[in-house]
Amino acid sequence: MKFNVSSPGLESLYCYMLVHVKQDARHASFSNQKCVGSNFTVSWGYAEENDAGIMTILNPEGTRRCWFGWRGVNAREDLEDAGPNNTKETPPM
């Protein structure tokens, strides 16, 4: 998985990760995986009933989260830009 994290007024950050999962990758979920190249943490959930993927990104300090969602994730190779989305302040982890 690879993508850019961007925010107005800040330099874009690149995130890359190779996640090992036990089940078929098309239906897999994972949590708390660190981005290579930044200290952002990513979780991915999959919902089979509508072939949907939900990605949660946590900032390096563990104080802000942002969610992104897509339907039909297995019908394509690339997912479109799903932002900008608001972030939610959370207690540090």
Foldseek 3Di string as FASTA:
>chain_A
DKDWDDDPPDDIFIFDDDDDDDDDPLQDWAFQDAGPRFGKTKTWHADVVFSKIKIWIAHNQRFKIWIFMDGPPVVDDDDDDRDDTDIDTDPGD
